[in-house]
């Protein structure tokens, strides 16, 4: 089992119930919900991730089942590639919507770790899923030992090339989920004067072989202003949008918009 490592000295942390402690006696208390805070100034983090409003909006929107098809596909993919007794790491786990479903599917056959830079998100994740270990940490300075992870999931979160390569075992698997070109285009068209498609890069990762790719597309029909607002608030667009555009959003009573996702499975080759 991999577990977390000390962000101060790099030694393995032992879960002692109410705290994580390393052999050098660096100690990190658990929060009431069960997560541990391992984010240090040395991580280079410039912010604290999604705030409570964004986290709660995403939780509430996802609980409507709007992305249930994607979650099912992610879980099936992860289960296919995770070995018994292995370790799965969910990088940028957010509020644990996908992590909890993965845990349920693996049913104790693998160790599941999750972390996010947002304390608010990790707190919700730890409350949602008691069978995984969660930490506040940065994807660019992971509290994870070298070559200790069998499967790493990265779902709409930052891609940390050097750290992913460091923690994944040789022949380890990276499962990445990204939005397609038309994802939420209808939402953008309702808000912006000049809506734009998402840029989708070639599915090429240095040091990895693309094993599998799945393409999911569909349509959302939202009839609740609350759901529309939550969808917009959980995207990066919200804080880049002016008052005029936000007023258009607030006036919407219904919304039809596309969804488009890619699930990309990479095998580490170096």
Protein backbone atom coordinates (compact mmCIF):
# COMPACT_ATOMS: atom_id res chain seq x y z
CA UNK A 1 0.00 0.00 0.00
CA UNK A 2 1.28 3.44 -0.93
CA UNK A 3 -0.47 5.87 1.40
CA UNK A 4 0.70 9.44 1.87
CA UNK A 5 4.22 10.63 2.53
CA UNK A 6 5.39 13.45 4.75
CA UNK A 7 5.48 16.83 2.95
CA UNK A 8 8.36 17.92 5.21
CA UNK A 9 10.87 15.05 4.97
CA UNK A 10 9.37 12.70 2.38
CA UNK A 11 9.14 9.67 4.69
CA UNK A 12 6.07 7.46 4.66
CA UNK A 13 3.18 8.61 6.84
CA UNK A 14 1.42 6.13 9.10
CA UNK A 15 -2.29 6.54 9.68
CA UNK A 16 -2.59 6.44 13.48
CA UNK A 17 -6.30 7.11 13.73
CA UNK A 18 -6.47 10.77 14.63
CA UNK A 19 -3.25 11.81 12.89
CA UNK A 20 -0.71 10.85 10.25
CA UNK A 21 2.82 10.51 11.65
CA UNK A 22 6.14 9.84 9.88
CA UNK A 23 9.24 8.09 11.33
CA UNK A 24 10.77 11.53 11.97
CA UNK A 25 7.75 12.32 14.17
CA UNK A 26 6.30 14.97 11.91
CA UNK A 27 2.60 14.81 12.75
CA UNK A 28 -0.49 15.95 10.82
CA UNK A 29 -3.85 15.89 12.56
CA UNK A 30 -6.94 14.65 10.81
CA UNK A 31 -9.96 16.90 10.46
CA UNK A 32 -13.27 15.71 11.92
CA UNK A 33 -14.36 14.52 8.47
CA UNK A 34 -11.20 12.41 8.18
CA UNK A 35 -8.95 14.25 5.72
CA UNK A 36 -5.42 15.48 6.44
CA UNK A 37 -3.89 18.81 5.43
CA UNK A 38 -0.54 18.21 3.67
CA UNK A 39 -0.28 21.42 1.64
CA UNK A 40 2.86 23.38 2.54
CA UNK A 41 4.31 26.69 1.38
CA UNK A 42 6.95 24.67 -0.47
CA UNK A 43 4.26 23.28 -2.75
CA UNK A 44 4.36 26.48 -4.76
CA UNK A 45 0.57 26.73 -4.70
CA UNK A 46 -0.57 30.25 -5.56
CA UNK A 47 -4.13 29.82 -4.38
CA UNK A 48 -6.39 27.58 -2.41
CA UNK A 49 -8.39 26.01 -5.21
CA UNK A 50 -12.14 26.19 -5.66
CA UNK A 51 -13.94 28.18 -2.99
CA UNK A 52 -16.91 26.91 -0.99
CA UNK A 53 -19.48 28.42 -3.38
CA UNK A 54 -17.96 26.65 -6.40
CA UNK A 55 -17.58 23.38 -4.53
CA UNK A 56 -21.18 23.39 -3.29
CA UNK A 57 -22.48 24.37 -6.74
CA UNK A 58 -20.64 21.43 -8.30
CA UNK A 59 -21.88 19.05 -5.61
CA UNK A 60 -25.48 20.15 -6.03
CA UNK A 61 -25.36 20.04 -9.82
CA UNK A 62 -23.73 16.61 -9.98
CA UNK A 63 -26.27 15.24 -7.53
CA UNK A 64 -28.97 15.90 -10.15
CA UNK A 65 -27.47 13.02 -12.16
CA UNK A 66 -26.57 15.21 -15.13
CA UNK A 67 -23.13 13.60 -15.45
CA UNK A 68 -24.13 10.12 -14.28
CA UNK A 69 -23.32 8.54 -17.65
CA UNK A 70 -19.81 9.95 -17.48
CA UNK A 71 -19.34 8.72 -13.91
CA UNK A 72 -20.46 5.21 -14.89
CA UNK A 73 -18.02 5.16 -17.81
CA UNK A 74 -15.17 6.41 -15.64
CA UNK A 75 -15.86 3.77 -13.00
CA UNK A 76 -16.01 0.96 -15.56
CA UNK A 77 -12.75 2.11 -17.12
CA UNK A 78 -10.94 2.44 -13.80
CA UNK A 79 -12.16 -0.94 -12.58
CA UNK A 80 -10.87 -2.54 -15.77
CA UNK A 81 -7.31 -1.29 -15.20
CA UNK A 82 -6.94 -1.36 -11.40
CA UNK A 83 -5.21 -4.53 -10.12
CA UNK A 84 -6.30 -6.29 -6.93
CA UNK A 85 -4.23 -4.97 -4.06
CA UNK A 86 -3.14 -1.99 -6.12
CA UNK A 87 -3.25 1.74 -5.42
CA UNK A 88 -5.46 4.26 -7.19
CA UNK A 89 -4.84 7.99 -6.86
CA UNK A 90 -7.47 10.58 -7.78
CA UNK A 91 -5.57 13.80 -8.48
CA UNK A 92 -7.76 16.88 -8.09
CA UNK A 93 -10.57 14.81 -6.60
CA UNK A 94 -12.81 17.78 -5.87
CA UNK A 95 -15.77 16.98 -3.65
CA UNK A 96 -15.40 13.24 -4.32
CA UNK A 97 -18.27 12.62 -6.76
CA UNK A 98 -16.17 10.31 -8.94
CA UNK A 99 -13.86 9.08 -6.16
CA UNK A 100 -16.74 7.73 -4.08
CA UNK A 101 -18.17 5.81 -7.04
CA UNK A 102 -14.74 4.36 -7.82
CA UNK A 103 -14.36 3.27 -4.19
CA UNK A 104 -17.73 1.57 -4.22
CA UNK A 105 -16.90 -0.31 -7.42
CA UNK A 106 -13.47 -1.46 -6.22
CA UNK A 107 -15.10 -2.55 -2.94
CA UNK A 108 -11.91 -2.70 -0.88
CA UNK A 109 -9.86 -4.54 -3.50
CA UNK A 110 -7.50 -1.57 -3.90
CA UNK A 111 -6.25 1.36 -1.86
CA UNK A 112 -7.86 4.64 -2.94
CA UNK A 113 -6.22 8.01 -2.29
CA UNK A 114 -7.59 11.40 -3.26
CA UNK A 115 -6.38 14.93 -2.92
CA UNK A 116 -7.25 18.43 -4.00
CA UNK A 117 -5.84 21.87 -3.34
CA UNK A 118 -9.26 23.05 -2.13
CA UNK A 119 -9.87 22.42 1.57
CA UNK A 120 -13.61 22.89 1.08
CA UNK A 121 -13.68 20.25 -1.65
CA UNK A 122 -11.63 17.71 0.29
CA UNK A 123 -13.78 18.17 3.36
CA UNK A 124 -16.88 17.22 1.36
CA UNK A 125 -15.04 14.31 -0.28
CA UNK A 126 -14.02 12.89 3.10
CA UNK A 127 -17.59 13.15 4.37
CA UNK A 128 -18.92 11.46 1.21
CA UNK A 129 -16.48 8.55 1.09
CA UNK A 130 -15.11 6.96 4.26
CA UNK A 131 -13.25 4.13 2.53
CA UNK A 132 -10.68 6.39 0.80
CA UNK A 133 -7.90 8.50 2.30
CA UNK A 134 -8.07 12.21 1.44
CA UNK A 135 -5.60 15.06 1.76
CA UNK A 136 -5.35 18.74 0.94
CA UNK A 137 -2.36 18.84 -1.40
CA UNK A 138 -1.11 20.17 -4.73
CA UNK A 139 -0.83 18.15 -7.93
CA UNK A 140 2.50 19.88 -8.49
CA UNK A 141 3.97 18.61 -5.22
CA UNK A 142 2.21 15.38 -4.41
CA UNK A 143 2.64 13.81 -0.96
CA UNK A 144 3.00 10.43 -2.70
CA UNK A 145 6.04 8.14 -2.93
CA UNK A 146 7.90 7.53 -6.18
CA UNK A 147 6.54 4.77 -8.43
CA UNK A 148 3.85 3.72 -5.95
CA UNK A 149 0.60 4.27 -7.91
CA UNK A 150 -0.98 1.71 -10.26
CA UNK A 151 -3.77 3.92 -11.64
CA UNK A 152 -3.96 7.71 -11.55
CA UNK A 153 -7.19 9.50 -12.43
CA UNK A 154 -7.25 13.14 -13.54
CA UNK A 155 -10.80 14.35 -14.15
CA UNK A 156 -11.11 17.99 -15.31
CA UNK A 157 -8.13 18.88 -13.12
CA UNK A 158 -4.58 20.16 -13.73
CA UNK A 159 -2.19 17.89 -15.62
CA UNK A 160 1.07 17.67 -13.68
CA UNK A 161 3.45 16.02 -16.12
CA UNK A 162 6.52 15.63 -13.90
CA UNK A 163 4.64 14.54 -10.78
CA UNK A 164 2.40 12.07 -12.62
CA UNK A 165 5.49 10.45 -14.15
CA UNK A 166 7.17 10.32 -10.75
CA UNK A 167 4.38 8.64 -8.79
CA UNK A 168 3.11 6.20 -11.44
CA UNK A 169 4.69 2.77 -11.54
CA UNK A 170 6.30 1.56 -14.73
CA UNK A 171 3.41 0.31 -16.89
CA UNK A 172 1.05 2.27 -14.63
CA UNK A 173 -2.14 3.71 -16.10
CA UNK A 174 -3.27 7.32 -16.36
CA UNK A 175 -7.01 7.86 -16.87
CA UNK A 176 -7.67 11.41 -18.02
CA UNK A 177 -11.08 13.03 -18.59
CA UNK A 178 -11.28 16.19 -20.67
CA UNK A 179 -14.10 18.21 -22.24
CA UNK A 180 -14.75 17.93 -25.95
CA UNK A 181 -14.95 20.84 -28.39
CA UNK A 182 -18.74 21.27 -28.04
CA UNK A 183 -18.97 20.74 -24.30
CA UNK A 184 -21.41 23.30 -22.82
CA UNK A 185 -21.51 25.27 -26.07
CA UNK A 186 -25.21 26.02 -25.56
CA UNK A 187 -24.43 27.55 -22.17
CA UNK A 188 -21.80 29.79 -23.71
CA UNK A 189 -24.15 30.78 -26.54
CA UNK A 190 -26.77 31.85 -23.99
CA UNK A 191 -24.32 34.03 -22.09
CA UNK A 192 -21.67 35.34 -24.48
CA UNK A 193 -21.89 37.46 -27.62
CA UNK A 194 -19.19 35.36 -29.27
CA UNK A 195 -19.35 31.77 -27.97
CA UNK A 196 -16.36 29.59 -28.74
CA UNK A 197 -15.61 25.89 -28.91
CA UNK A 198 -13.12 24.31 -26.54
CA UNK A 199 -9.65 23.57 -27.86
CA UNK A 200 -8.93 19.85 -27.84
CA UNK A 201 -5.26 18.96 -28.20
CA UNK A 202 -3.96 15.83 -29.88
CA UNK A 203 -4.19 12.80 -27.60
CA UNK A 204 -0.41 12.45 -27.35
CA UNK A 205 1.44 12.34 -24.03
CA UNK A 206 5.24 12.04 -23.93
CA UNK A 207 6.21 8.90 -22.05
CA UNK A 208 2.79 7.28 -22.48
CA UNK A 209 1.02 5.06 -24.97
CA UNK A 210 -2.66 5.75 -25.64
CA UNK A 211 -4.35 2.46 -24.76
CA UNK A 212 -7.98 3.44 -25.15
CA UNK A 213 -10.22 6.41 -25.78
CA UNK A 214 -13.93 6.78 -25.16
CA UNK A 215 -16.09 9.57 -26.53
CA UNK A 216 -19.34 10.53 -24.80
CA UNK A 217 -21.74 13.18 -26.02
CA UNK A 218 -25.26 14.16 -25.12
CA UNK A 219 -27.59 17.01 -24.31
CA UNK A 220 -28.76 18.60 -21.09
CA UNK A 221 -32.19 20.15 -20.75
CA UNK A 222 -32.23 22.20 -17.58
CA UNK A 223 -35.51 23.63 -16.33
CA UNK A 224 -34.33 25.04 -13.01
CA UNK A 225 -32.56 28.43 -12.74
CA UNK A 226 -30.76 26.98 -9.72
CA UNK A 227 -29.34 24.10 -11.78
CA UNK A 228 -28.32 26.50 -14.56
CA UNK A 229 -26.57 28.75 -12.07
CA UNK A 230 -24.82 25.82 -10.41
CA UNK A 231 -23.59 24.52 -13.75
CA UNK A 232 -22.13 27.90 -14.64
CA UNK A 233 -20.64 28.43 -11.19
CA UNK A 234 -18.79 25.11 -11.29
CA UNK A 235 -17.02 26.07 -14.54
CA UNK A 236 -13.98 28.35 -15.00
CA UNK A 237 -16.19 30.75 -16.98
CA UNK A 238 -17.94 32.27 -13.98
CA UNK A 239 -15.07 34.33 -12.64
CA UNK A 240 -14.08 35.49 -16.13
CA UNK A 241 -17.56 36.80 -16.93
CA UNK A 242 -18.69 40.42 -16.70
CA UNK A 243 -21.88 41.84 -15.24
CA UNK A 244 -23.74 41.89 -18.56
CA UNK A 245 -23.11 38.21 -19.17
CA UNK A 246 -23.93 37.27 -15.59
CA UNK A 247 -27.23 39.14 -15.90
CA UNK A 248 -28.08 37.08 -18.99
CA UNK A 249 -27.32 33.94 -17.04
CA UNK A 250 -29.50 35.01 -14.11
CA UNK A 251 -32.44 35.64 -16.47
CA UNK A 252 -32.40 32.12 -17.91
CA UNK A 253 -35.32 29.92 -16.90
CA UNK A 254 -34.43 26.96 -19.12
CA UNK A 255 -31.30 25.86 -20.96
CA UNK A 256 -30.44 23.29 -23.60
CA UNK A 257 -26.74 22.64 -23.95
CA UNK A 258 -24.43 19.97 -25.31
CA UNK A 259 -22.15 17.77 -23.25
CA UNK A 260 -19.05 16.17 -24.71
CA UNK A 261 -16.31 14.26 -22.92
CA UNK A 262 -13.26 12.16 -23.72
CA UNK A 263 -11.98 9.45 -21.40
CA UNK A 264 -8.36 8.80 -22.33
CA UNK A 265 -6.42 5.82 -21.01
CA UNK A 266 -2.63 6.04 -21.18
CA UNK A 267 -0.04 3.39 -20.29
CA UNK A 268 3.23 4.72 -18.90
CA UNK A 269 6.15 3.56 -21.07
CA UNK A 270 9.18 5.07 -19.31
